[in-house]
Each structure stands twice: as C-alpha cells, then as structure tokens.
PDB file of N, CA and C in Angstrom:
ATOM      1  N   UNK A   1      77.703   3.577   6.071  1.00  0.00           N
ATOM      2  CA  UNK A   1      79.086   3.831   6.369  1.00  0.00           C
ATOM      3  C   UNK A   1      79.262   3.753   7.879  1.00  0.00           C
ATOM      4  N   UNK A   2      80.349   3.093   8.333  1.00  0.00           N
ATOM      5  CA  UNK A   2      80.596   2.944   9.753  1.00  0.00           C
ATOM      6  C   UNK A   2      81.277   4.191  10.315  1.00  0.00           C
ATOM      7  N   UNK A   3      81.318   4.282  11.654  1.00  0.00           N
ATOM      8  CA  UNK A   3      81.922   5.428  12.308  1.00  0.00           C
ATOM      9  C   UNK A   3      83.415   5.514  12.008  1.00  0.00           C
ATOM     10  N   UNK A   4      84.079   4.352  11.934  1.00  0.00           N
ATOM     11  CA  UNK A   4      85.523   4.347  11.640  1.00  0.00           C
ATOM     12  C   UNK A   4      85.775   4.827  10.223  1.00  0.00           C
ATOM     13  N   UNK A   5      84.872   4.432   9.275  1.00  0.00           N
ATOM     14  CA  UNK A   5      85.051   4.859   7.895  1.00  0.00           C
ATOM     15  C   UNK A   5      84.832   6.380   7.787  1.00  0.00           C
ATOM     16  N   UNK A   6      83.813   6.881   8.514  1.00  0.00           N
ATOM     17  CA  UNK A   6      83.537   8.314   8.487  1.00  0.00           C
ATOM     18  C   UNK A   6      84.717   9.077   9.056  1.00  0.00           C
ATOM     19  N   UNK A   7      85.267   8.572  10.182  1.00  0.00           N
ATOM     20  CA  UNK A   7      86.409   9.248  10.808  1.00  0.00           C
ATOM     21  C   UNK A   7      87.602   9.265   9.852  1.00  0.00           C
ATOM     22  N   UNK A   8      87.864   8.157   9.186  1.00  0.00           N
ATOM     23  CA  UNK A   8      88.961   8.090   8.242  1.00  0.00           C
ATOM     24  C   UNK A   8      88.740   9.029   7.064  1.00  0.00           C
ATOM     25  N   UNK A   9      87.475   9.110   6.612  1.00  0.00           N
ATOM     26  CA  UNK A   9      87.149   9.979   5.486  1.00  0.00           C
ATOM     27  C   UNK A   9      87.327  11.440   5.901  1.00  0.00           C
ATOM     28  N   UNK A  10      86.875  11.798   7.118  1.00  0.00           N
ATOM     29  CA  UNK A  10      86.997  13.185   7.545  1.00  0.00           C
ATOM     30  C   UNK A  10      88.469  13.548   7.779  1.00  0.00           C
ATOM     31  N   UNK A  11      89.298  12.616   8.254  1.00  0.00           N
ATOM     32  CA  UNK A  11      90.719  12.872   8.404  1.00  0.00           C
ATOM     33  C   UNK A  11      91.357  13.106   7.062  1.00  0.00           C
ATOM     34  N   UNK A  12      91.000  12.320   6.091  1.00  0.00           N
ATOM     35  CA  UNK A  12      91.564  12.455   4.749  1.00  0.00           C
ATOM     36  C   UNK A  12      91.145  13.799   4.147  1.00  0.00           C
ATOM     37  N   UNK A  13      89.903  14.148   4.343  1.00  0.00           N
ATOM     38  CA  UNK A  13      89.450  15.432   3.814  1.00  0.00           C
ATOM     39  C   UNK A  13      90.158  16.584   4.533  1.00  0.00           C
ATOM     40  N   UNK A  14      90.354  16.441   5.832  1.00  0.00           N
ATOM     41  CA  UNK A  14      91.044  17.498   6.577  1.00  0.00           C
ATOM     42  C   UNK A  14      92.488  17.568   6.104  1.00  0.00           C
ATOM     43  N   UNK A  15      93.107  16.413   5.868  1.00  0.00           N
ATOM     44  CA  UNK A  15      94.463  16.417   5.361  1.00  0.00           C
ATOM     45  C   UNK A  15      94.576  17.018   3.984  1.00  0.00           C
ATOM     46  N   UNK A  16      93.564  16.765   3.162  1.00  0.00           N
ATOM     47  CA  UNK A  16      93.575  17.342   1.817  1.00  0.00           C
ATOM     48  C   UNK A  16      93.415  18.860   1.873  1.00  0.00           C
ATOM     49  N   UNK A  17      92.555  19.309   2.776  1.00  0.00           N
ATOM     50  CA  UNK A  17      92.347  20.745   2.925  1.00  0.00           C
ATOM     51  C   UNK A  17      93.586  21.426   3.518  1.00  0.00           C
ATOM     52  N   UNK A  18      94.311  20.699   4.362  1.00  0.00           N
ATOM     53  CA  UNK A  18      95.477  21.242   5.001  1.00  0.00           C
ATOM     54  C   UNK A  18      96.772  21.026   4.204  1.00  0.00           C
ATOM     55  N   UNK A  19      96.680  20.384   3.086  1.00  0.00           N
ATOM     56  CA  UNK A  19      97.909  20.121   2.335  1.00  0.00           C
ATOM     57  C   UNK A  19      98.486  21.466   1.877  1.00  0.00           C
ATOM     58  N   UNK A  20      99.771  21.585   2.191  1.00  0.00           N
ATOM     59  CA  UNK A  20     100.452  22.856   1.895  1.00  0.00           C
ATOM     60  C   UNK A  20     101.617  22.550   1.003  1.00  0.00           C
ATOM     61  N   UNK A  21     102.025  23.573   0.318  1.00  0.00           N
ATOM     62  CA  UNK A  21     103.181  23.377  -0.545  1.00  0.00           C
ATOM     63  C   UNK A  21     104.453  23.471   0.300  1.00  0.00           C
ATOM     64  N   UNK A  22     105.555  22.981  -0.177  1.00  0.00           N
ATOM     65  CA  UNK A  22     106.805  22.956   0.588  1.00  0.00           C
ATOM     66  C   UNK A  22     107.261  24.363   1.046  1.00  0.00           C
ATOM     67  N   UNK A  23     106.990  25.363   0.246  1.00  0.00           N
ATOM     68  CA  UNK A  23     107.400  26.709   0.617  1.00  0.00           C
ATOM     69  C   UNK A  23     106.681  27.180   1.891  1.00  0.00           C
ATOM     70  N   UNK A  24     105.406  26.868   2.029  1.00  0.00           N
ATOM     71  CA  UNK A  24     104.641  27.223   3.229  1.00  0.00           C
ATOM     72  C   UNK A  24     105.189  26.485   4.438  1.00  0.00           C
ATOM     73  N   UNK A  25     105.531  25.239   4.252  1.00  0.00           N
ATOM     74  CA  UNK A  25     106.087  24.441   5.331  1.00  0.00           C
ATOM     75  C   UNK A  25     107.420  25.030   5.788  1.00  0.00           C
ATOM     76  N   UNK A  26     108.278  25.414   4.814  1.00  0.00           N
ATOM     77  CA  UNK A  26     109.569  26.038   5.141  1.00  0.00           C
ATOM     78  C   UNK A  26     109.372  27.323   5.937  1.00  0.00           C
ATOM     79  N   UNK A  27     108.408  28.133   5.527  1.00  0.00           N
ATOM     80  CA  UNK A  27     108.111  29.386   6.232  1.00  0.00           C
ATOM     81  C   UNK A  27     107.667  29.114   7.671  1.00  0.00           C
ATOM     82  N   UNK A  28     106.805  28.086   7.834  1.00  0.00           N
ATOM     83  CA  UNK A  28     106.359  27.720   9.174  1.00  0.00           C
ATOM     84  C   UNK A  28     107.528  27.246  10.049  1.00  0.00           C
ATOM     85  N   UNK A  29     108.417  26.471   9.431  1.00  0.00           N
ATOM     86  CA  UNK A  29     109.580  25.980  10.179  1.00  0.00           C
ATOM     87  C   UNK A  29     110.466  27.153  10.580  1.00  0.00           C
ATOM     88  N   UNK A  30     110.706  28.083   9.661  1.00  0.00           N
ATOM     89  CA  UNK A  30     111.544  29.248   9.961  1.00  0.00           C
ATOM     90  C   UNK A  30     110.930  30.097  11.080  1.00  0.00           C
ATOM     91  N   UNK A  31     109.633  30.290  11.027  1.00  0.00           N
ATOM     92  CA  UNK A  31     108.944  31.078  12.045  1.00  0.00           C
ATOM     93  C   UNK A  31     109.052  30.356  13.400  1.00  0.00           C
ATOM     94  N   UNK A  32     108.873  29.065  13.416  1.00  0.00           N
ATOM     95  CA  UNK A  32     108.995  28.285  14.653  1.00  0.00           C
ATOM     96  C   UNK A  32     110.413  28.382  15.201  1.00  0.00           C
ATOM     97  N   UNK A  33     111.417  28.343  14.345  1.00  0.00           N
ATOM     98  CA  UNK A  33     112.809  28.479  14.788  1.00  0.00           C
ATOM     99  C   UNK A  33     113.057  29.828  15.434  1.00  0.00           C
ATOM    100  N   UNK A  34     112.534  30.882  14.823  1.00  0.00           N
ATOM    101  CA  UNK A  34     112.689  32.227  15.396  1.00  0.00           C
ATOM    102  C   UNK A  34     112.047  32.349  16.765  1.00  0.00           C
ATOM    103  N   UNK A  35     110.836  31.823  16.868  1.00  0.00           N
ATOM    104  CA  UNK A  35     110.128  31.841  18.161  1.00  0.00           C
ATOM    105  C   UNK A  35     110.861  31.055  19.199  1.00  0.00           C
ATOM    106  N   UNK A  36     111.399  29.901  18.814  1.00  0.00           N
ATOM    107  CA  UNK A  36     112.169  29.058  19.733  1.00  0.00           C
ATOM    108  C   UNK A  36     113.437  29.788  20.172  1.00  0.00           C
ATOM    109  N   UNK A  37     114.089  30.461  19.237  1.00  0.00           N
ATOM    110  CA  UNK A  37     115.286  31.233  19.555  1.00  0.00           C
ATOM    111  C   UNK A  37     115.004  32.319  20.558  1.00  0.00           C
ATOM    112  N   UNK A  38     113.900  33.029  20.360  1.00  0.00           N
ATOM    113  CA  UNK A  38     113.523  34.098  21.300  1.00  0.00           C
ATOM    114  C   UNK A  38     113.218  33.514  22.673  1.00  0.00           C
ATOM    115  N   UNK A  39     112.561  32.380  22.706  1.00  0.00           N
ATOM    116  CA  UNK A  39     112.233  31.731  23.975  1.00  0.00           C
ATOM    117  C   UNK A  39     113.491  31.302  24.705  1.00  0.00           C
ATOM    118  N   UNK A  40     114.435  30.728  23.969  1.00  0.00           N
ATOM    119  CA  UNK A  40     115.679  30.286  24.596  1.00  0.00           C
ATOM    120  C   UNK A  40     116.462  31.493  25.122  1.00  0.00           C
ATOM    121  N   UNK A  41     116.474  32.591  24.372  1.00  0.00           N
ATOM    122  CA  UNK A  41     117.164  33.798  24.814  1.00  0.00           C
ATOM    123  C   UNK A  41     116.525  34.353  26.099  1.00  0.00           C
ATOM    124  N   UNK A  42     115.206  34.349  26.156  1.00  0.00           N
ATOM    125  CA  UNK A  42     114.492  34.834  27.351  1.00  0.00           C
ATOM    126  C   UNK A  42     114.805  33.959  28.568  1.00  0.00           C
ATOM    127  N   UNK A  43     114.826  32.659  28.370  1.00  0.00           N
ATOM    128  CA  UNK A  43     115.141  31.735  29.482  1.00  0.00           C
ATOM    129  C   UNK A  43     116.580  31.942  29.933  1.00  0.00           C
ATOM    130  N   UNK A  44     117.489  32.089  28.977  1.00  0.00           N
ATOM    131  CA  UNK A  44     118.900  32.287  29.320  1.00  0.00           C
ATOM    132  C   UNK A  44     119.074  33.581  30.122  1.00  0.00           C
ATOM    133  N   UNK A  45     118.356  34.661  29.737  1.00  0.00           N
ATOM    134  CA  UNK A  45     118.459  35.913  30.440  1.00  0.00           C
ATOM    135  C   UNK A  45     117.949  35.806  31.877  1.00  0.00           C
ATOM    136  N   UNK A  46     116.879  35.075  32.041  1.00  0.00           N
ATOM    137  CA  UNK A  46     116.305  34.896  33.395  1.00  0.00           C
ATOM    138  C   UNK A  46     117.197  34.065  34.298  1.00  0.00           C
ATOM    139  N   UNK A  47     117.988  33.160  33.727  1.00  0.00           N
ATOM    140  CA  UNK A  47     118.843  32.311  34.538  1.00  0.00           C
ATOM    141  C   UNK A  47     120.242  32.873  34.687  1.00  0.00           C
ATOM    142  N   UNK A  48     120.543  34.036  34.099  1.00  0.00           N
ATOM    143  CA  UNK A  48     121.853  34.665  34.211  1.00  0.00           C
ATOM    144  C   UNK A  48     121.915  35.447  35.553  1.00  0.00           C
ATOM    145  N   UNK A  49     122.365  34.765  36.585  1.00  0.00           N
ATOM    146  CA  UNK A  49     122.369  35.346  37.945  1.00  0.00           C
ATOM    147  C   UNK A  49     123.313  36.527  38.009  1.00  0.00           C
ATOM    148  N   UNK A  50     124.441  36.434  37.362  1.00  0.00           N
ATOM    149  CA  UNK A  50     125.443  37.533  37.425  1.00  0.00           C
ATOM    150  C   UNK A  50     124.837  38.818  36.829  1.00  0.00           C
ATOM    151  N   UNK A  51     124.190  38.701  35.713  1.00  0.00           N
ATOM    152  CA  UNK A  51     123.572  39.877  35.089  1.00  0.00           C
ATOM    153  C   UNK A  51     122.457  40.432  35.938  1.00  0.00           C
ATOM    154  N   UNK A  52     121.647  39.575  36.519  1.00  0.00           N
ATOM    155  CA  UNK A  52     120.577  40.038  37.414  1.00  0.00           C
ATOM    156  C   UNK A  52     121.150  40.758  38.637  1.00  0.00           C
ATOM    157  N   UNK A  53     122.235  40.226  39.175  1.00  0.00           N
ATOM    158  CA  UNK A  53     122.854  40.863  40.347  1.00  0.00           C
ATOM    159  C   UNK A  53     123.413  42.243  39.963  1.00  0.00           C
ATOM    160  N   UNK A  54     124.028  42.332  38.792  1.00  0.00           N
ATOM    161  CA  UNK A  54     124.544  43.639  38.344  1.00  0.00           C
ATOM    162  C   UNK A  54     123.423  44.622  38.129  1.00  0.00           C
ATOM    163  N   UNK A  55     122.329  44.186  37.545  1.00  0.00           N
ATOM    164  CA  UNK A  55     121.187  45.068  37.322  1.00  0.00           C
ATOM    165  C   UNK A  55     120.614  45.557  38.648  1.00  0.00           C
ATOM    166  N   UNK A  56     120.513  44.644  39.618  1.00  0.00           N
ATOM    167  CA  UNK A  56     119.996  45.015  40.929  1.00  0.00           C
ATOM    168  C   UNK A  56     120.938  46.001  41.619  1.00  0.00           C
ATOM    169  N   UNK A  57     122.266  45.761  41.476  1.00  0.00           N
ATOM    170  CA  UNK A  57     123.247  46.659  42.092  1.00  0.00           C
ATOM    171  C   UNK A  57     123.136  48.051  41.486  1.00  0.00           C
ATOM    172  N   UNK A  58     122.976  48.148  40.179  1.00  0.00           N
ATOM    173  CA  UNK A  58     122.821  49.439  39.531  1.00  0.00           C
ATOM    174  C   UNK A  58     121.549  50.142  40.024  1.00  0.00           C
ATOM    175  N   UNK A  59     120.490  49.383  40.164  1.00  0.00           N
ATOM    176  CA  UNK A  59     119.214  49.948  40.637  1.00  0.00           C
ATOM    177  C   UNK A  59     119.391  50.517  42.056  1.00  0.00           C
ATOM    178  N   UNK A  60     120.029  49.716  42.924  1.00  0.00           N
ATOM    179  CA  UNK A  60     120.246  50.156  44.309  1.00  0.00           C
ATOM    180  C   UNK A  60     121.185  51.359  44.380  1.00  0.00           C
ATOM    181  N   UNK A  61     122.194  51.363  43.516  1.00  0.00           N
ATOM    182  CA  UNK A  61     123.121  52.475  43.449  1.00  0.00           C
ATOM    183  C   UNK A  61     122.393  53.757  43.086  1.00  0.00           C
ATOM    184  N   UNK A  62     121.489  53.674  42.141  1.00  0.00           N
ATOM    185  CA  UNK A  62     120.696  54.825  41.733  1.00  0.00           C
ATOM    186  C   UNK A  62     119.808  55.308  42.850  1.00  0.00           C
ATOM    187  N   UNK A  63     119.167  54.384  43.572  1.00  0.00           N
ATOM    188  CA  UNK A  63     118.325  54.740  44.705  1.00  0.00           C
ATOM    189  C   UNK A  63     119.134  55.394  45.822  1.00  0.00           C
ATOM    190  N   UNK A  64     120.302  54.866  46.093  1.00  0.00           N
ATOM    191  CA  UNK A  64     121.160  55.418  47.151  1.00  0.00           C
ATOM    192  C   UNK A  64     121.619  56.830  46.766  1.00  0.00           C
ATOM    193  N   UNK A  65     121.970  57.021  45.526  1.00  0.00           N
ATOM    194  CA  UNK A  65     122.370  58.353  45.062  1.00  0.00           C
ATOM    195  C   UNK A  65     121.245  59.367  45.214  1.00  0.00           C
ATOM    196  N   UNK A  66     120.047  58.960  44.846  1.00  0.00           N
ATOM    197  CA  UNK A  66     118.892  59.856  44.966  1.00  0.00           C
ATOM    198  C   UNK A  66     118.605  60.192  46.431  1.00  0.00           C
ATOM    199  N   UNK A  67     118.743  59.177  47.298  1.00  0.00           N
ATOM    200  CA  UNK A  67     118.489  59.409  48.729  1.00  0.00           C
ATOM    201  C   UNK A  67     119.572  60.338  49.311  1.00  0.00           C
ATOM    202  N   UNK A  68     120.822  60.137  48.910  1.00  0.00           N
ATOM    203  CA  UNK A  68     121.907  60.997  49.398  1.00  0.00           C
ATOM    204  C   UNK A  68     121.691  62.444  48.955  1.00  0.00           C
ATOM    205  N   UNK A  69     121.251  62.633  47.743  1.00  0.00           N
ATOM    206  CA  UNK A  69     120.988  63.988  47.240  1.00  0.00           C
ATOM    207  C   UNK A  69     119.843  64.613  48.048  1.00  0.00           C
ATOM    208  N   UNK A  70     118.824  63.845  48.295  1.00  0.00           N
ATOM    209  CA  UNK A  70     117.665  64.327  49.055  1.00  0.00           C
ATOM    210  C   UNK A  70     118.094  64.762  50.482  1.00  0.00           C
ATOM    211  N   UNK A  71     118.895  63.923  51.117  1.00  0.00           N
ATOM    212  CA  UNK A  71     119.349  64.229  52.478  1.00  0.00           C
ATOM    213  C   UNK A  71     120.299  65.418  52.481  1.00  0.00           C
ATOM    214  N   UNK A  72     121.125  65.534  51.471  1.00  0.00           N
ATOM    215  CA  UNK A  72     122.039  66.666  51.334  1.00  0.00           C
ATOM    216  C   UNK A  72     121.241  67.965  51.207  1.00  0.00           C
ATOM    217  N   UNK A  73     120.202  67.930  50.389  1.00  0.00           N
ATOM    218  CA  UNK A  73     119.354  69.120  50.202  1.00  0.00           C
ATOM    219  C   UNK A  73     118.662  69.503  51.501  1.00  0.00           C
ATOM    220  N   UNK A  74     118.187  68.505  52.239  1.00  0.00           N
ATOM    221  CA  UNK A  74     117.534  68.790  53.530  1.00  0.00           C
ATOM    222  C   UNK A  74     118.534  69.384  54.531  1.00  0.00           C
ATOM    223  N   UNK A  75     119.752  68.846  54.548  1.00  0.00           N
ATOM    224  CA  UNK A  75     120.775  69.358  55.463  1.00  0.00           C
ATOM    225  C   UNK A  75     121.112  70.796  55.126  1.00  0.00           C
ATOM    226  N   UNK A  76     121.188  71.144  53.860  1.00  0.00           N
ATOM    227  CA  UNK A  76     121.473  72.525  53.443  1.00  0.00           C
ATOM    228  C   UNK A  76     120.369  73.455  53.865  1.00  0.00           C
ATOM    229  N   UNK A  77     119.135  72.970  53.847  1.00  0.00           N
ATOM    230  CA  UNK A  77     118.013  73.809  54.259  1.00  0.00           C
ATOM    231  C   UNK A  77     118.070  74.108  55.760  1.00  0.00           C
ATOM    232  N   UNK A  78     118.478  73.107  56.547  1.00  0.00           N
ATOM    233  CA  UNK A  78     118.465  73.230  57.996  1.00  0.00           C
ATOM    234  C   UNK A  78     119.728  73.925  58.526  1.00  0.00           C
ATOM    235  N   UNK A  79     120.852  73.675  57.896  1.00  0.00           N
ATOM    236  CA  UNK A  79     122.135  74.189  58.373  1.00  0.00           C
ATOM    237  C   UNK A  79     122.220  75.692  58.159  1.00  0.00           C
ATOM    238  N   UNK A  80     122.882  76.389  59.087  1.00  0.00           N
ATOM    239  CA  UNK A  80     123.066  77.830  58.929  1.00  0.00           C
ATOM    240  C   UNK A  80     124.021  78.125  57.758  1.00  0.00           C
ATOM    241  N   UNK A  81     123.850  79.306  57.169  1.00  0.00           N
ATOM    242  CA  UNK A  81     124.703  79.682  56.056  1.00  0.00           C
ATOM    243  C   UNK A  81     126.110  80.061  56.506  1.00  0.00           C
ATOM    244  N   UNK A  82     126.245  80.584  57.713  1.00  0.00           N
ATOM    245  CA  UNK A  82     127.568  80.964  58.193  1.00  0.00           C
ATOM    246  C   UNK A  82     127.698  80.611  59.651  1.00  0.00           C
ATOM    247  N   UNK A  83     128.941  80.736  60.142  1.00  0.00           N
ATOM    248  CA  UNK A  83     129.200  80.434  61.558  1.00  0.00           C
ATOM    249  C   UNK A  83     128.478  81.449  62.448  1.00  0.00           C
ATOM    250  N   UNK A  84     128.442  82.699  62.046  1.00  0.00           N
ATOM    251  CA  UNK A  84     127.773  83.733  62.826  1.00  0.00           C
ATOM    252  C   UNK A  84     126.302  83.418  62.989  1.00  0.00           C
ATOM    253  N   UNK A  85     125.697  82.959  61.901  1.00  0.00           N
ATOM    254  CA  UNK A  85     124.279  82.592  61.973  1.00  0.00           C
ATOM    255  C   UNK A  85     124.080  81.399  62.900  1.00  0.00           C
ATOM    256  N   UNK A  86     125.002  80.455  62.871  1.00  0.00           N
ATOM    257  CA  UNK A  86     124.948  79.291  63.759  1.00  0.00           C
ATOM    258  C   UNK A  86     125.034  79.718  65.229  1.00  0.00           C
ATOM    259  N   UNK A  87     125.920  80.661  65.518  1.00  0.00           N
ATOM    260  CA  UNK A  87     126.061  81.161  66.873  1.00  0.00           C
ATOM    261  C   UNK A  87     124.772  81.843  67.293  1.00  0.00           C
ATOM    262  N   UNK A  88     124.176  82.625  66.408  1.00  0.00           N
ATOM    263  CA  UNK A  88     122.927  83.315  66.734  1.00  0.00           C
ATOM    264  C   UNK A  88     121.827  82.300  67.026  1.00  0.00           C
ATOM    265  N   UNK A  89     121.794  81.219  66.230  1.00  0.00           N
ATOM    266  CA  UNK A  89     120.757  80.199  66.445  1.00  0.00           C
ATOM    267  C   UNK A  89     120.992  79.533  67.832  1.00  0.00           C
ATOM    268  N   UNK A  90     122.234  79.255  68.169  1.00  0.00           N
ATOM    269  CA  UNK A  90     122.531  78.639  69.465  1.00  0.00           C
ATOM    270  C   UNK A  90     122.149  79.570  70.622  1.00  0.00           C
ATOM    271  N   UNK A  91     122.434  80.856  70.446  1.00  0.00           N
ATOM    272  CA  UNK A  91     122.070  81.835  71.494  1.00  0.00           C
ATOM    273  C   UNK A  91     120.553  81.907  71.648  1.00  0.00           C
ATOM    274  N   UNK A  92     119.839  81.885  70.542  1.00  0.00           N
ATOM    275  CA  UNK A  92     118.398  81.959  70.569  1.00  0.00           C
ATOM    276  C   UNK A  92     117.837  80.715  71.268  1.00  0.00           C
ATOM    277  N   UNK A  93     118.409  79.563  70.972  1.00  0.00           N
ATOM    278  CA  UNK A  93     117.972  78.317  71.598  1.00  0.00           C
ATOM    279  C   UNK A  93     118.241  78.365  73.113  1.00  0.00           C
ATOM    280  N   UNK A  94     119.382  78.916  73.496  1.00  0.00           N
ATOM    281  CA  UNK A  94     119.726  79.027  74.934  1.00  0.00           C
ATOM    282  C   UNK A  94     118.751  79.966  75.647  1.00  0.00           C
ATOM    283  N   UNK A  95     118.350  81.025  74.966  1.00  0.00           N
ATOM    284  CA  UNK A  95     117.412  81.976  75.577  1.00  0.00           C
ATOM    285  C   UNK A  95     116.022  81.342  75.736  1.00  0.00           C
ATOM    286  N   UNK A  96     115.646  80.538  74.759  1.00  0.00           N
ATOM    287  CA  UNK A  96     114.330  79.892  74.785  1.00  0.00           C
ATOM    288  C   UNK A  96     114.276  78.774  75.797  1.00  0.00           C
ATOM    289  N   UNK A  97     115.380  78.062  76.011  1.00  0.00           N
ATOM    290  CA  UNK A  97     115.407  76.880  76.895  1.00  0.00           C
ATOM    291  C   UNK A  97     116.581  77.001  77.856  1.00  0.00           C
ATOM    292  N   UNK A  98     116.541  77.831  78.857  1.00  0.00           N
ATOM    293  CA  UNK A  98     117.733  78.025  79.738  1.00  0.00           C
ATOM    294  C   UNK A  98     118.019  76.833  80.658  1.00  0.00           C
ATOM    295  N   UNK A  99     116.990  76.146  81.123  1.00  0.00           N
ATOM    296  CA  UNK A  99     117.191  75.058  82.092  1.00  0.00           C
ATOM    297  C   UNK A  99     117.996  73.899  81.532  1.00  0.00           C
ATOM    298  N   UNK A 100     117.631  73.340  80.375  1.00  0.00           N
ATOM    299  CA  UNK A 100     118.461  72.233  79.859  1.00  0.00           C
ATOM    300  C   UNK A 100     119.919  72.639  79.644  1.00  0.00           C
ATOM    301  N   UNK A 101     120.121  73.855  79.201  1.00  0.00           N
ATOM    302  CA  UNK A 101     121.478  74.330  78.977  1.00  0.00           C
ATOM    303  C   UNK A 101     122.227  74.450  80.303  1.00  0.00           C
ATOM    304  N   UNK A 102     121.525  74.931  81.351  1.00  0.00           N
ATOM    305  CA  UNK A 102     122.163  75.048  82.651  1.00  0.00           C
ATOM    306  C   UNK A 102     122.536  73.678  83.203  1.00  0.00           C
ATOM    307  N   UNK A 103     121.651  72.701  83.065  1.00  0.00           N
ATOM    308  CA  UNK A 103     121.967  71.358  83.519  1.00  0.00           C
ATOM    309  C   UNK A 103     123.162  70.768  82.747  1.00  0.00           C
ATOM    310  N   UNK A 104     123.207  71.009  81.465  1.00  0.00           N
ATOM    311  CA  UNK A 104     124.329  70.526  80.647  1.00  0.00           C
ATOM    312  C   UNK A 104     125.603  71.178  81.101  1.00  0.00           C
ATOM    313  N   UNK A 105     125.565  72.471  81.441  1.00  0.00           N
ATOM    314  CA  UNK A 105     126.768  73.172  81.921  1.00  0.00           C
ATOM    315  C   UNK A 105     127.235  72.624  83.238  1.00  0.00           C
ATOM    316  N   UNK A 106     126.314  72.370  84.165  1.00  0.00           N
ATOM    317  CA  UNK A 106     126.658  71.796  85.453  1.00  0.00           C
ATOM    318  C   UNK A 106     127.273  70.418  85.290  1.00  0.00           C
ATOM    319  N   UNK A 107     126.679  69.611  84.451  1.00  0.00           N
ATOM    320  CA  UNK A 107     127.210  68.263  84.204  1.00  0.00           C
ATOM    321  C   UNK A 107     128.613  68.328  83.626  1.00  0.00           C
ATOM    322  N   UNK A 108     128.840  69.160  82.641  1.00  0.00           N
ATOM    323  CA  UNK A 108     130.143  69.303  82.032  1.00  0.00           C
ATOM    324  C   UNK A 108     131.162  69.808  83.038  1.00  0.00           C
ATOM    325  N   UNK A 109     130.790  70.761  83.878  1.00  0.00           N
ATOM    326  CA  UNK A 109     131.692  71.251  84.933  1.00  0.00           C
ATOM    327  C   UNK A 109     132.048  70.130  85.905  1.00  0.00           C
ATOM    328  N   UNK A 110     131.099  69.298  86.245  1.00  0.00           N
ATOM    329  CA  UNK A 110     131.331  68.175  87.143  1.00  0.00           C
ATOM    330  C   UNK A 110     132.300  67.174  86.521  1.00  0.00           C
ATOM    331  N   UNK A 111     132.147  66.888  85.242  1.00  0.00           N
ATOM    332  CA  UNK A 111     133.059  65.969  84.563  1.00  0.00           C
ATOM    333  C   UNK A 111     134.464  66.502  84.549  1.00  0.00           C
ATOM    334  N   UNK A 112     134.612  67.795  84.198  1.00  0.00           N
ATOM    335  CA  UNK A 112     135.953  68.405  84.170  1.00  0.00           C
ATOM    336  C   UNK A 112     136.560  68.432  85.574  1.00  0.00           C
ATOM    337  N   UNK A 113     135.772  68.806  86.567  1.00  0.00           N
ATOM    338  CA  UNK A 113     136.260  68.859  87.957  1.00  0.00           C
ATOM    339  C   UNK A 113     136.700  67.451  88.408  1.00  0.00           C
ATOM    340  N   UNK A 114     135.903  66.442  88.110  1.00  0.00           N
ATOM    341  CA  UNK A 114     136.208  65.073  88.477  1.00  0.00           C
ATOM    342  C   UNK A 114     137.507  64.601  87.825  1.00  0.00           C
ATOM    343  N   UNK A 115     137.757  64.947  86.623  1.00  0.00           N
ATOM    344  CA  UNK A 115     139.000  64.568  85.941  1.00  0.00           C
ATOM    345  C   UNK A 115     140.191  65.265  86.565  1.00  0.00           C
ATOM    346  N   UNK A 116     139.987  66.517  86.921  1.00  0.00           N
ATOM    347  CA  UNK A 116     141.100  67.229  87.538  1.00  0.00           C
ATOM    348  C   UNK A 116     141.480  66.632  88.891  1.00  0.00           C
ATOM    349  N   UNK A 117     140.481  66.220  89.667  1.00  0.00           N
ATOM    350  CA  UNK A 117     140.747  65.614  90.957  1.00  0.00           C
ATOM    351  C   UNK A 117     141.376  64.227  90.866  1.00  0.00           C
ATOM    352  N   UNK A 118     141.088  63.517  89.824  1.00  0.00           N
ATOM    353  CA  UNK A 118     141.600  62.140  89.701  1.00  0.00           C
ATOM    354  C   UNK A 118     143.060  62.100  89.269  1.00  0.00           C
ATOM    355  N   UNK A 119     143.632  63.183  88.930  1.00  0.00           N
ATOM    356  CA  UNK A 119     145.046  63.221  88.470  1.00  0.00           C
ATOM    357  C   UNK A 119     145.958  63.160  89.611  1.00  0.00           C
TER     358      UNK A 119
END
C-alpha cells in the first residue's frame, strides 16, 4: 500500500470515527453561536468609549469623596472645638515663639502706617 493510500484510508477511518448524528452537530453549532455572541458582547463593551468614560468618572468621584472625607476628618482633629480654645492656642503659640510674632506685628504696623501716609 502506498503512502497516499494509507493517508486516504486513515482519513476515512478518522471520518468514520468522527461521524456524528445531526443532533450533535446542531448542539455544537448552538454552543459555537453562544460563544460567538459572548465574544461579540465583550468586544462591544471594550469599544464603548462613553461607557468606559462614565465608569472612570464614577471611580474618580468615589476616590474624591473618600479623600474629601479623610481631609475633613483631619481638619476636625486639628481645628479647635471653640473660639475660646482657638484664642488659647494662639496665645500659647505667641508665648512659645515671641520673635516671629513681634516681626509680624512690626511689619503690619509699617504697612498700616505707610497706607495712612500715602493718603
């Protein structure tokens, strides 16, 4: 037997072994259609720029909200509870650092004096 005859015989045997009834073929076709549909839907979703932009905007909005809450909480921790407490903190700071406060006072007095003279 020649190589071509053997190849033809093995293809025929493979075809005979693979012969399926029409119902199996229909099931395979239906499964392939479902897979193709899922693939097309996935590709369409990836190419929907508007939807991707909206999703990214929602993500960023959530991150910004979380950051704002975090900063608000930090500000509440640092800020005094009342005006009297704020005054006490300012007085304590002035007692601890008198020189910068004195320089700021002299500068402010100079600005006010300069404005008064320019009138």
